């Protein structure tokens, strides 16, 4: 019964995720960065992509996202990239739904709230580094909620999650805000 309600929440969100076009603004740039990181074995420390800042020191903080996007593209092109987007969106909103259910919200209300959250956030589902941290955000939230309830068996998982998040997207500062507010 619960699985049916979760499916009702995820189906329209996954359809939207699959049908959204890949915006070219940053996508090709991230592919190139990911390719360069894998070919050189290091994250570039000098800007070689822009004409105005070429040769200047730079920090490519989201290098791991770029590598993952490049690997998906190299393996099976745009179809695998779209599948990756759908997988990350599906995982994110399934986790949100489950968090609500664990918090005592009924399946129908959790489905409605998940749909509303997904529809309101769908304009930010571009193939960019922040897509990778959506499930990490919810995983960290789940762990911290467990910790707040005196369940500490998953607290160790914050270490690998924070390492991944730090190299995937610049919003890793949210980890510290979460920890301080808990």
N, C-alpha and C. Protein backbone atom coordinates (compact mmCIF):
# COMPACT_ATOMS: atom_id res chain seq x y z
N UNK A 1 0.83 -1.20 0.00
CA UNK A 1 0.00 0.00 0.00
C UNK A 1 0.88 1.26 0.00
N UNK A 2 1.87 1.29 0.87
CA UNK A 2 2.77 2.44 0.91
C UNK A 2 3.55 2.59 -0.39
N UNK A 3 3.97 1.45 -0.95
CA UNK A 3 4.74 1.48 -2.19
C UNK A 3 3.91 2.11 -3.32
N UNK A 4 2.61 1.85 -3.31
CA UNK A 4 1.72 2.46 -4.32
C UNK A 4 1.70 3.97 -4.18
N UNK A 5 1.61 4.47 -2.96
CA UNK A 5 1.60 5.92 -2.74
C UNK A 5 2.94 6.55 -3.10
N UNK A 6 4.02 5.85 -2.82
CA UNK A 6 5.34 6.34 -3.23
C UNK A 6 5.42 6.40 -4.75
N UNK A 7 4.91 5.38 -5.43
CA UNK A 7 4.90 5.36 -6.89
C UNK A 7 4.08 6.49 -7.47
N UNK A 8 2.96 6.80 -6.84
CA UNK A 8 2.11 7.91 -7.29
C UNK A 8 2.87 9.22 -7.18
N UNK A 9 3.67 9.35 -6.14
CA UNK A 9 4.46 10.57 -5.96
C UNK A 9 5.59 10.65 -6.98
N UNK A 10 6.27 9.52 -7.21
CA UNK A 10 7.47 9.55 -8.05
C UNK A 10 7.19 9.55 -9.54
N UNK A 11 6.12 8.91 -9.98
CA UNK A 11 5.88 8.76 -11.41
C UNK A 11 5.87 10.09 -12.16
N UNK A 12 5.06 11.07 -11.76
CA UNK A 12 5.08 12.34 -12.51
C UNK A 12 6.42 13.08 -12.41
N UNK A 13 7.09 12.94 -11.27
CA UNK A 13 8.38 13.62 -11.10
C UNK A 13 9.44 13.00 -12.02
N UNK A 14 9.42 11.69 -12.16
CA UNK A 14 10.37 11.03 -13.04
C UNK A 14 10.08 11.34 -14.51
N UNK A 15 8.83 11.45 -14.86
CA UNK A 15 8.47 11.83 -16.24
C UNK A 15 9.03 13.22 -16.55
N UNK A 16 8.85 14.14 -15.62
CA UNK A 16 9.39 15.50 -15.82
C UNK A 16 10.91 15.45 -15.93
N UNK A 17 11.55 14.69 -15.04
CA UNK A 17 13.02 14.62 -15.05
C UNK A 17 13.54 14.06 -16.37
N UNK A 18 12.86 13.09 -16.92
CA UNK A 18 13.30 12.48 -18.18
C UNK A 18 13.05 13.40 -19.37
N UNK A 19 11.98 14.15 -19.32
CA UNK A 19 11.62 15.00 -20.46
C UNK A 19 12.29 16.38 -20.46
N UNK A 20 12.88 16.76 -19.33
CA UNK A 20 13.55 18.07 -19.31
C UNK A 20 14.74 18.07 -20.25
N UNK A 21 14.88 19.10 -21.05
CA UNK A 21 16.06 19.16 -21.93
C UNK A 21 17.31 19.47 -21.12
N UNK A 22 18.44 19.03 -21.64
CA UNK A 22 19.71 19.36 -21.01
C UNK A 22 20.10 20.76 -21.46
N UNK A 23 20.20 21.67 -20.50
CA UNK A 23 20.56 23.04 -20.82
C UNK A 23 22.07 23.10 -21.06
N UNK A 24 22.48 23.72 -22.14
CA UNK A 24 23.90 23.69 -22.48
C UNK A 24 24.78 24.67 -21.71
N UNK A 25 24.21 25.48 -20.85
CA UNK A 25 24.97 26.55 -20.21
C UNK A 25 26.26 26.06 -19.57
N UNK A 26 26.17 25.11 -18.68
CA UNK A 26 27.34 24.60 -17.98
C UNK A 26 27.66 23.16 -18.34
N UNK A 27 26.73 22.45 -18.90
CA UNK A 27 26.87 21.02 -19.10
C UNK A 27 28.14 20.66 -19.86
N UNK A 28 28.37 21.27 -21.01
CA UNK A 28 29.53 20.91 -21.82
C UNK A 28 30.83 21.32 -21.14
N UNK A 29 30.76 22.41 -20.39
CA UNK A 29 31.93 22.85 -19.63
C UNK A 29 32.29 21.80 -18.57
N UNK A 30 31.28 21.28 -17.87
CA UNK A 30 31.54 20.25 -16.86
C UNK A 30 32.07 18.97 -17.50
N UNK A 31 31.55 18.62 -18.67
CA UNK A 31 32.08 17.44 -19.36
C UNK A 31 33.57 17.62 -19.66
N UNK A 32 33.94 18.78 -20.14
CA UNK A 32 35.34 19.03 -20.47
C UNK A 32 36.22 18.99 -19.22
N UNK A 33 35.73 19.60 -18.15
CA UNK A 33 36.49 19.57 -16.89
C UNK A 33 36.66 18.14 -16.41
N UNK A 34 35.60 17.34 -16.44
CA UNK A 34 35.69 15.96 -16.01
C UNK A 34 36.67 15.16 -16.84
N UNK A 35 36.63 15.38 -18.15
CA UNK A 35 37.56 14.70 -19.05
C UNK A 35 39.00 15.11 -18.73
N UNK A 36 39.24 16.39 -18.55
CA UNK A 36 40.59 16.88 -18.24
C UNK A 36 41.11 16.35 -16.91
N UNK A 37 40.24 16.27 -15.92
CA UNK A 37 40.66 15.74 -14.61
C UNK A 37 41.08 14.28 -14.75
N UNK A 38 40.28 13.50 -15.46
CA UNK A 38 40.62 12.08 -15.62
C UNK A 38 41.86 11.87 -16.48
N UNK A 39 42.02 12.67 -17.53
CA UNK A 39 43.19 12.51 -18.39
C UNK A 39 44.48 12.94 -17.72
N UNK A 40 44.42 14.00 -16.93
CA UNK A 40 45.65 14.50 -16.29
C UNK A 40 45.89 13.87 -14.92
N UNK A 41 44.84 13.32 -14.33
CA UNK A 41 44.98 12.74 -13.00
C UNK A 41 45.02 13.77 -11.90
N UNK A 42 44.66 15.02 -12.21
CA UNK A 42 44.69 16.09 -11.21
C UNK A 42 43.62 17.13 -11.56
N UNK A 43 43.19 17.83 -10.55
CA UNK A 43 42.25 18.93 -10.75
C UNK A 43 43.04 20.15 -11.20
N UNK A 44 42.66 20.78 -12.31
CA UNK A 44 43.42 21.96 -12.77
C UNK A 44 43.42 23.06 -11.71
N UNK A 45 44.55 23.75 -11.61
CA UNK A 45 44.67 24.86 -10.66
C UNK A 45 44.81 26.19 -11.39
N UNK A 46 44.84 26.15 -12.71
CA UNK A 46 44.94 27.35 -13.54
C UNK A 46 43.78 27.34 -14.52
N UNK A 47 43.14 28.48 -14.69
CA UNK A 47 42.01 28.59 -15.60
C UNK A 47 42.49 28.49 -17.05
N UNK A 48 41.97 27.49 -17.73
CA UNK A 48 42.29 27.33 -19.16
C UNK A 48 41.04 27.38 -20.02
N UNK A 49 39.88 27.61 -19.40
CA UNK A 49 38.62 27.57 -20.13
C UNK A 49 38.08 28.93 -20.54
N UNK A 50 38.47 29.99 -19.85
CA UNK A 50 37.92 31.30 -20.18
C UNK A 50 38.97 32.15 -20.89
N UNK A 51 38.48 33.10 -21.64
CA UNK A 51 39.41 33.98 -22.34
C UNK A 51 39.84 35.16 -21.47
N UNK A 52 39.00 35.55 -20.52
CA UNK A 52 39.31 36.72 -19.70
C UNK A 52 40.22 36.40 -18.52
N UNK A 53 40.13 35.18 -18.00
CA UNK A 53 40.91 34.80 -16.83
C UNK A 53 41.93 33.70 -17.13
N UNK A 54 42.18 33.43 -18.38
CA UNK A 54 43.10 32.34 -18.74
C UNK A 54 44.45 32.54 -18.08
N UNK A 55 44.96 31.48 -17.49
CA UNK A 55 46.25 31.52 -16.83
C UNK A 55 46.19 31.93 -15.37
N UNK A 56 45.02 32.38 -14.91
CA UNK A 56 44.87 32.82 -13.52
C UNK A 56 44.58 31.60 -12.62
N UNK A 57 45.00 31.66 -11.36
CA UNK A 57 44.68 30.56 -10.44
C UNK A 57 43.17 30.42 -10.26
N UNK A 58 42.72 29.20 -10.13
CA UNK A 58 41.29 28.95 -9.96
C UNK A 58 41.10 27.68 -9.14
N UNK A 59 39.96 27.60 -8.45
CA UNK A 59 39.61 26.41 -7.69
C UNK A 59 38.36 25.81 -8.33
N UNK A 60 38.50 24.62 -8.87
CA UNK A 60 37.36 23.90 -9.44
C UNK A 60 36.82 23.00 -8.34
N UNK A 61 35.99 23.57 -7.51
CA UNK A 61 35.51 22.89 -6.32
C UNK A 61 34.60 21.72 -6.66
N UNK A 62 33.83 21.79 -7.74
CA UNK A 62 32.88 20.74 -8.11
C UNK A 62 33.48 19.74 -9.07
N UNK A 63 34.76 19.47 -8.93
CA UNK A 63 35.46 18.59 -9.88
C UNK A 63 34.88 17.18 -9.92
N UNK A 64 34.43 16.66 -8.77
CA UNK A 64 33.92 15.29 -8.74
C UNK A 64 32.61 15.17 -9.53
N UNK A 65 31.78 16.19 -9.47
CA UNK A 65 30.56 16.20 -10.28
C UNK A 65 30.91 16.17 -11.76
N UNK A 66 31.91 16.96 -12.12
CA UNK A 66 32.34 17.00 -13.52
C UNK A 66 32.85 15.63 -13.97
N UNK A 67 33.58 14.95 -13.12
CA UNK A 67 34.08 13.62 -13.46
C UNK A 67 32.92 12.64 -13.64
N UNK A 68 31.96 12.67 -12.73
CA UNK A 68 30.80 11.78 -12.84
C UNK A 68 29.98 12.06 -14.10
N UNK A 69 29.80 13.34 -14.42
CA UNK A 69 29.06 13.68 -15.65
C UNK A 69 29.82 13.21 -16.88
N UNK A 70 31.14 13.38 -16.88
CA UNK A 70 31.95 12.93 -18.02
C UNK A 70 31.87 11.41 -18.17
N UNK A 71 31.97 10.69 -17.06
CA UNK A 71 31.91 9.23 -17.13
C UNK A 71 30.57 8.75 -17.65
N UNK A 72 29.49 9.39 -17.22
CA UNK A 72 28.17 9.03 -17.74
C UNK A 72 28.08 9.30 -19.23
N UNK A 73 28.55 10.47 -19.65
CA UNK A 73 28.50 10.82 -21.06
C UNK A 73 29.38 9.90 -21.89
N UNK A 74 30.59 9.64 -21.40
CA UNK A 74 31.53 8.79 -22.14
C UNK A 74 31.00 7.36 -22.27
N UNK A 75 30.31 6.87 -21.25
CA UNK A 75 29.80 5.50 -21.26
C UNK A 75 28.65 5.31 -22.24
N UNK A 76 27.67 6.23 -22.21
CA UNK A 76 26.51 6.05 -23.09
C UNK A 76 25.87 7.37 -23.50
N UNK A 77 26.62 8.43 -23.51
CA UNK A 77 26.14 9.70 -24.04
C UNK A 77 24.98 10.31 -23.25
N UNK A 78 24.16 11.03 -23.98
CA UNK A 78 23.02 11.74 -23.39
C UNK A 78 22.02 10.78 -22.73
N UNK A 79 21.72 9.60 -23.31
CA UNK A 79 20.76 8.71 -22.65
C UNK A 79 21.16 8.34 -21.22
N UNK A 80 22.42 8.02 -21.00
CA UNK A 80 22.86 7.68 -19.64
C UNK A 80 22.83 8.92 -18.74
N UNK A 81 23.12 10.06 -19.29
CA UNK A 81 23.05 11.30 -18.51
C UNK A 81 21.62 11.54 -18.04
N UNK A 82 20.66 11.36 -18.93
CA UNK A 82 19.25 11.54 -18.57
C UNK A 82 18.83 10.49 -17.54
N UNK A 83 19.31 9.27 -17.72
CA UNK A 83 19.01 8.22 -16.73
C UNK A 83 19.59 8.60 -15.36
N UNK A 84 20.81 9.14 -15.34
CA UNK A 84 21.43 9.58 -14.10
C UNK A 84 20.60 10.67 -13.43
N UNK A 85 20.12 11.61 -14.22
CA UNK A 85 19.25 12.67 -13.67
C UNK A 85 18.01 12.05 -13.05
N UNK A 86 17.36 11.15 -13.77
CA UNK A 86 16.14 10.51 -13.26
C UNK A 86 16.44 9.71 -12.00
N UNK A 87 17.56 9.03 -11.97
CA UNK A 87 17.95 8.26 -10.79
C UNK A 87 18.14 9.16 -9.58
N UNK A 88 18.85 10.27 -9.76
CA UNK A 88 19.10 11.19 -8.65
C UNK A 88 17.81 11.85 -8.17
N UNK A 89 16.95 12.23 -9.11
CA UNK A 89 15.66 12.84 -8.74
C UNK A 89 14.79 11.81 -8.03
N UNK A 90 14.71 10.61 -8.58
CA UNK A 90 13.91 9.56 -7.95
C UNK A 90 14.38 9.24 -6.55
N UNK A 91 15.69 9.11 -6.39
CA UNK A 91 16.26 8.82 -5.08
C UNK A 91 15.97 9.95 -4.10
N UNK A 92 16.13 11.17 -4.56
CA UNK A 92 15.90 12.32 -3.69
C UNK A 92 14.47 12.36 -3.16
N UNK A 93 13.51 12.25 -4.05
CA UNK A 93 12.12 12.39 -3.62
C UNK A 93 11.59 11.13 -2.94
N UNK A 94 12.17 9.97 -3.23
CA UNK A 94 11.83 8.77 -2.47
C UNK A 94 12.32 8.92 -1.03
N UNK A 95 13.52 9.47 -0.87
CA UNK A 95 14.06 9.68 0.47
C UNK A 95 13.22 10.72 1.23
N UNK A 96 12.80 11.76 0.54
CA UNK A 96 11.96 12.78 1.17
C UNK A 96 10.66 12.16 1.65
N UNK A 97 10.04 11.35 0.79
CA UNK A 97 8.78 10.68 1.13
C UNK A 97 8.98 9.78 2.35
N UNK A 98 10.07 9.02 2.35
CA UNK A 98 10.33 8.11 3.48
C UNK A 98 10.62 8.87 4.77
N UNK A 99 11.31 10.00 4.67
CA UNK A 99 11.54 10.82 5.86
C UNK A 99 10.23 11.31 6.45
N UNK A 100 9.33 11.72 5.58
CA UNK A 100 8.03 12.17 6.07
C UNK A 100 7.26 11.02 6.72
N UNK A 101 7.32 9.85 6.12
CA UNK A 101 6.63 8.69 6.68
C UNK A 101 7.22 8.32 8.05
N UNK A 102 8.54 8.37 8.16
CA UNK A 102 9.17 8.08 9.45
C UNK A 102 8.82 9.13 10.49
N UNK A 103 8.53 10.33 10.02
CA UNK A 103 8.14 11.41 10.93
C UNK A 103 6.69 11.34 11.36
N UNK A 104 5.95 10.34 10.87
CA UNK A 104 4.57 10.16 11.30
C UNK A 104 3.52 10.70 10.34
N UNK A 105 3.93 11.19 9.20
CA UNK A 105 2.98 11.70 8.22
C UNK A 105 2.40 10.52 7.45
N UNK A 106 1.11 10.54 7.22
CA UNK A 106 0.43 9.46 6.50
C UNK A 106 0.87 9.39 5.05
N UNK A 107 0.63 8.24 4.38
CA UNK A 107 1.11 8.06 3.01
C UNK A 107 0.49 9.04 2.01
N UNK A 108 -0.76 9.36 2.18
CA UNK A 108 -1.41 10.29 1.24
C UNK A 108 -0.84 11.69 1.34
N UNK A 109 -0.71 12.17 2.56
CA UNK A 109 -0.15 13.51 2.76
C UNK A 109 1.31 13.55 2.34
N UNK A 110 2.07 12.50 2.65
CA UNK A 110 3.47 12.44 2.23
C UNK A 110 3.57 12.47 0.70
N UNK A 111 2.65 11.80 0.02
CA UNK A 111 2.63 11.80 -1.44
C UNK A 111 2.33 13.20 -1.97
N UNK A 112 1.32 13.84 -1.40
CA UNK A 112 0.97 15.19 -1.83
C UNK A 112 2.13 16.16 -1.60
N UNK A 113 2.73 16.11 -0.43
CA UNK A 113 3.84 17.02 -0.12
C UNK A 113 5.07 16.73 -0.99
N UNK A 114 5.32 15.47 -1.28
CA UNK A 114 6.44 15.11 -2.15
C UNK A 114 6.20 15.64 -3.56
N UNK A 115 4.99 15.48 -4.05
CA UNK A 115 4.65 16.02 -5.37
C UNK A 115 4.82 17.54 -5.41
N UNK A 116 4.31 18.21 -4.39
CA UNK A 116 4.43 19.67 -4.35
C UNK A 116 5.90 20.10 -4.28
N UNK A 117 6.68 19.41 -3.46
CA UNK A 117 8.11 19.74 -3.36
C UNK A 117 8.80 19.51 -4.69
N UNK A 118 8.50 18.39 -5.33
CA UNK A 118 9.12 18.08 -6.62
C UNK A 118 8.73 19.07 -7.70
N UNK A 119 7.46 19.39 -7.78
CA UNK A 119 7.02 20.34 -8.80
C UNK A 119 7.61 21.72 -8.57
N UNK A 120 7.69 22.13 -7.31
CA UNK A 120 8.25 23.46 -7.04
C UNK A 120 9.76 23.50 -7.25
N UNK A 121 10.43 22.37 -7.12
CA UNK A 121 11.88 22.34 -7.31
C UNK A 121 12.33 21.92 -8.69
N UNK A 122 11.40 21.53 -9.54
CA UNK A 122 11.78 20.98 -10.85
C UNK A 122 12.47 21.99 -11.76
N UNK A 123 12.30 23.26 -11.50
CA UNK A 123 13.00 24.25 -12.33
C UNK A 123 14.49 24.31 -12.00
N UNK A 124 14.93 23.55 -10.99
CA UNK A 124 16.34 23.51 -10.62
C UNK A 124 16.93 22.11 -10.79
N UNK A 125 16.40 21.35 -11.74
CA UNK A 125 16.87 20.00 -11.99
C UNK A 125 17.82 19.94 -13.17
N UNK A 126 18.48 21.01 -13.48
CA UNK A 126 19.42 21.00 -14.58
C UNK A 126 20.58 20.05 -14.31
N UNK A 127 21.22 19.61 -15.38
CA UNK A 127 22.35 18.69 -15.24
C UNK A 127 23.56 19.50 -14.81
N UNK A 128 23.63 19.70 -13.51
CA UNK A 128 24.67 20.51 -12.89
C UNK A 128 25.07 19.85 -11.57
N UNK A 129 26.14 20.29 -10.95
CA UNK A 129 26.62 19.64 -9.72
C UNK A 129 25.61 19.57 -8.59
N UNK A 130 24.73 20.54 -8.45
CA UNK A 130 23.80 20.50 -7.33
C UNK A 130 22.89 19.29 -7.38
N UNK A 131 22.70 18.72 -8.55
CA UNK A 131 21.86 17.53 -8.67
C UNK A 131 22.39 16.36 -7.84
N UNK A 132 23.70 16.27 -7.73
CA UNK A 132 24.31 15.18 -6.98
C UNK A 132 24.13 15.32 -5.47
N UNK A 133 23.93 16.54 -5.00
CA UNK A 133 23.87 16.71 -3.55
C UNK A 133 22.45 16.62 -3.00
N UNK A 134 21.44 16.62 -3.85
CA UNK A 134 20.07 16.50 -3.33
C UNK A 134 19.90 15.25 -2.47
N UNK A 135 20.30 14.06 -2.96
CA UNK A 135 20.16 12.89 -2.08
C UNK A 135 21.09 12.95 -0.87
N UNK A 136 22.28 13.55 -1.05
CA UNK A 136 23.19 13.67 0.10
C UNK A 136 22.59 14.55 1.19
N UNK A 137 21.92 15.61 0.77
CA UNK A 137 21.26 16.51 1.71
C UNK A 137 20.27 15.74 2.58
N UNK A 138 19.45 14.92 1.92
CA UNK A 138 18.44 14.16 2.67
C UNK A 138 19.07 13.06 3.52
N UNK A 139 20.15 12.45 3.03
CA UNK A 139 20.84 11.44 3.83
C UNK A 139 21.42 12.06 5.10
N UNK A 140 22.03 13.23 4.97
CA UNK A 140 22.58 13.92 6.14
C UNK A 140 21.46 14.32 7.08
N UNK A 141 20.37 14.81 6.54
CA UNK A 141 19.23 15.17 7.38
C UNK A 141 18.71 13.96 8.14
N UNK A 142 18.60 12.83 7.47
CA UNK A 142 18.13 11.60 8.12
C UNK A 142 19.08 11.19 9.25
N UNK A 143 20.38 11.22 8.99
CA UNK A 143 21.36 10.85 10.01
C UNK A 143 21.29 11.79 11.21
N UNK A 144 21.17 13.08 10.95
CA UNK A 144 21.10 14.04 12.05
C UNK A 144 19.80 13.92 12.84
N UNK A 145 18.72 13.59 12.16
CA UNK A 145 17.46 13.35 12.88
C UNK A 145 17.58 12.12 13.78
N UNK A 146 18.24 11.07 13.28
CA UNK A 146 18.48 9.89 14.10
C UNK A 146 19.36 10.23 15.30
N UNK A 147 20.39 11.03 15.05
CA UNK A 147 21.29 11.45 16.13
C UNK A 147 20.55 12.26 17.18
N UNK A 148 19.66 13.13 16.71
CA UNK A 148 18.88 13.96 17.64
C UNK A 148 17.98 13.08 18.52
N UNK A 149 17.55 11.94 17.98
CA UNK A 149 16.73 10.99 18.74
C UNK A 149 17.58 9.99 19.52
N UNK A 150 18.87 10.30 19.67
CA UNK A 150 19.83 9.49 20.45
C UNK A 150 20.18 8.16 19.77
N UNK A 151 19.96 8.06 18.48
CA UNK A 151 20.39 6.89 17.72
C UNK A 151 21.67 7.29 16.98
N UNK A 152 22.81 6.79 17.44
CA UNK A 152 24.08 7.24 16.90
C UNK A 152 24.76 6.22 16.00
N UNK A 153 24.09 5.16 15.62
CA UNK A 153 24.79 4.11 14.88
C UNK A 153 25.18 4.51 13.46
N UNK A 154 24.57 5.53 12.90
CA UNK A 154 24.92 5.96 11.54
C UNK A 154 25.71 7.26 11.51
N UNK A 155 26.07 7.78 12.65
CA UNK A 155 26.78 9.06 12.72
C UNK A 155 28.10 9.02 11.97
N UNK A 156 28.77 7.89 11.94
CA UNK A 156 30.04 7.74 11.22
C UNK A 156 29.89 8.02 9.73
N UNK A 157 28.68 7.80 9.18
CA UNK A 157 28.45 8.00 7.74
C UNK A 157 28.57 9.46 7.33
N UNK A 158 28.54 10.37 8.29
CA UNK A 158 28.71 11.78 7.95
C UNK A 158 30.10 12.07 7.37
N UNK A 159 31.09 11.28 7.75
CA UNK A 159 32.45 11.51 7.25
C UNK A 159 32.54 11.27 5.74
N UNK A 160 32.17 10.08 5.23
CA UNK A 160 32.24 9.92 3.77
C UNK A 160 31.25 10.81 3.02
N UNK A 161 30.09 11.04 3.61
CA UNK A 161 29.12 11.93 2.95
C UNK A 161 29.67 13.35 2.83
N UNK A 162 30.33 13.82 3.88
CA UNK A 162 30.89 15.18 3.82
C UNK A 162 32.05 15.26 2.84
N UNK A 163 32.86 14.22 2.77
CA UNK A 163 33.95 14.21 1.79
C UNK A 163 33.42 14.24 0.36
N UNK A 164 32.39 13.44 0.10
CA UNK A 164 31.80 13.45 -1.24
C UNK A 164 31.16 14.80 -1.52
N UNK A 165 30.37 15.31 -0.58
CA UNK A 165 29.66 16.56 -0.79
C UNK A 165 30.63 17.71 -1.06
N UNK A 166 31.73 17.75 -0.33
CA UNK A 166 32.70 18.83 -0.48
C UNK A 166 33.27 18.89 -1.90
N UNK A 167 33.43 17.75 -2.54
CA UNK A 167 33.99 17.71 -3.89
C UNK A 167 32.93 17.68 -4.99
N UNK A 168 31.67 17.58 -4.59
CA UNK A 168 30.58 17.57 -5.58
C UNK A 168 29.98 18.95 -5.80
N UNK A 169 29.87 19.75 -4.73
CA UNK A 169 29.17 21.03 -4.85
C UNK A 169 29.56 21.95 -3.70
N UNK A 170 29.51 23.22 -3.95
CA UNK A 170 29.90 24.22 -2.97
C UNK A 170 28.95 24.40 -1.81
N UNK A 171 27.81 23.75 -1.82
CA UNK A 171 26.86 23.90 -0.72
C UNK A 171 27.21 23.04 0.49
N UNK A 172 28.40 22.46 0.51
CA UNK A 172 28.80 21.61 1.63
C UNK A 172 28.78 22.34 2.96
N UNK A 173 28.77 23.65 2.93
CA UNK A 173 28.70 24.43 4.16
C UNK A 173 27.41 24.13 4.93
N UNK A 174 26.39 23.65 4.22
CA UNK A 174 25.13 23.27 4.88
C UNK A 174 25.35 22.16 5.91
N UNK A 175 26.34 21.32 5.69
CA UNK A 175 26.65 20.28 6.67
C UNK A 175 26.95 20.89 8.04
N UNK A 176 27.73 21.94 8.04
CA UNK A 176 28.11 22.58 9.29
C UNK A 176 26.94 23.32 9.90
N UNK A 177 26.13 23.92 9.07
CA UNK A 177 24.92 24.60 9.58
C UNK A 177 23.98 23.60 10.21
N UNK A 178 23.80 22.45 9.53
CA UNK A 178 22.98 21.37 10.11
C UNK A 178 23.52 20.93 11.46
N UNK A 179 24.81 20.66 11.51
CA UNK A 179 25.42 20.14 12.73
C UNK A 179 25.30 21.15 13.87
N UNK A 180 25.49 22.41 13.57
CA UNK A 180 25.40 23.43 14.62
C UNK A 180 23.97 23.66 15.09
N UNK A 181 23.01 23.49 14.21
CA UNK A 181 21.63 23.75 14.58
C UNK A 181 21.01 22.56 15.33
N UNK A 182 21.64 21.38 15.21
CA UNK A 182 21.11 20.18 15.85
C UNK A 182 21.44 20.16 17.28
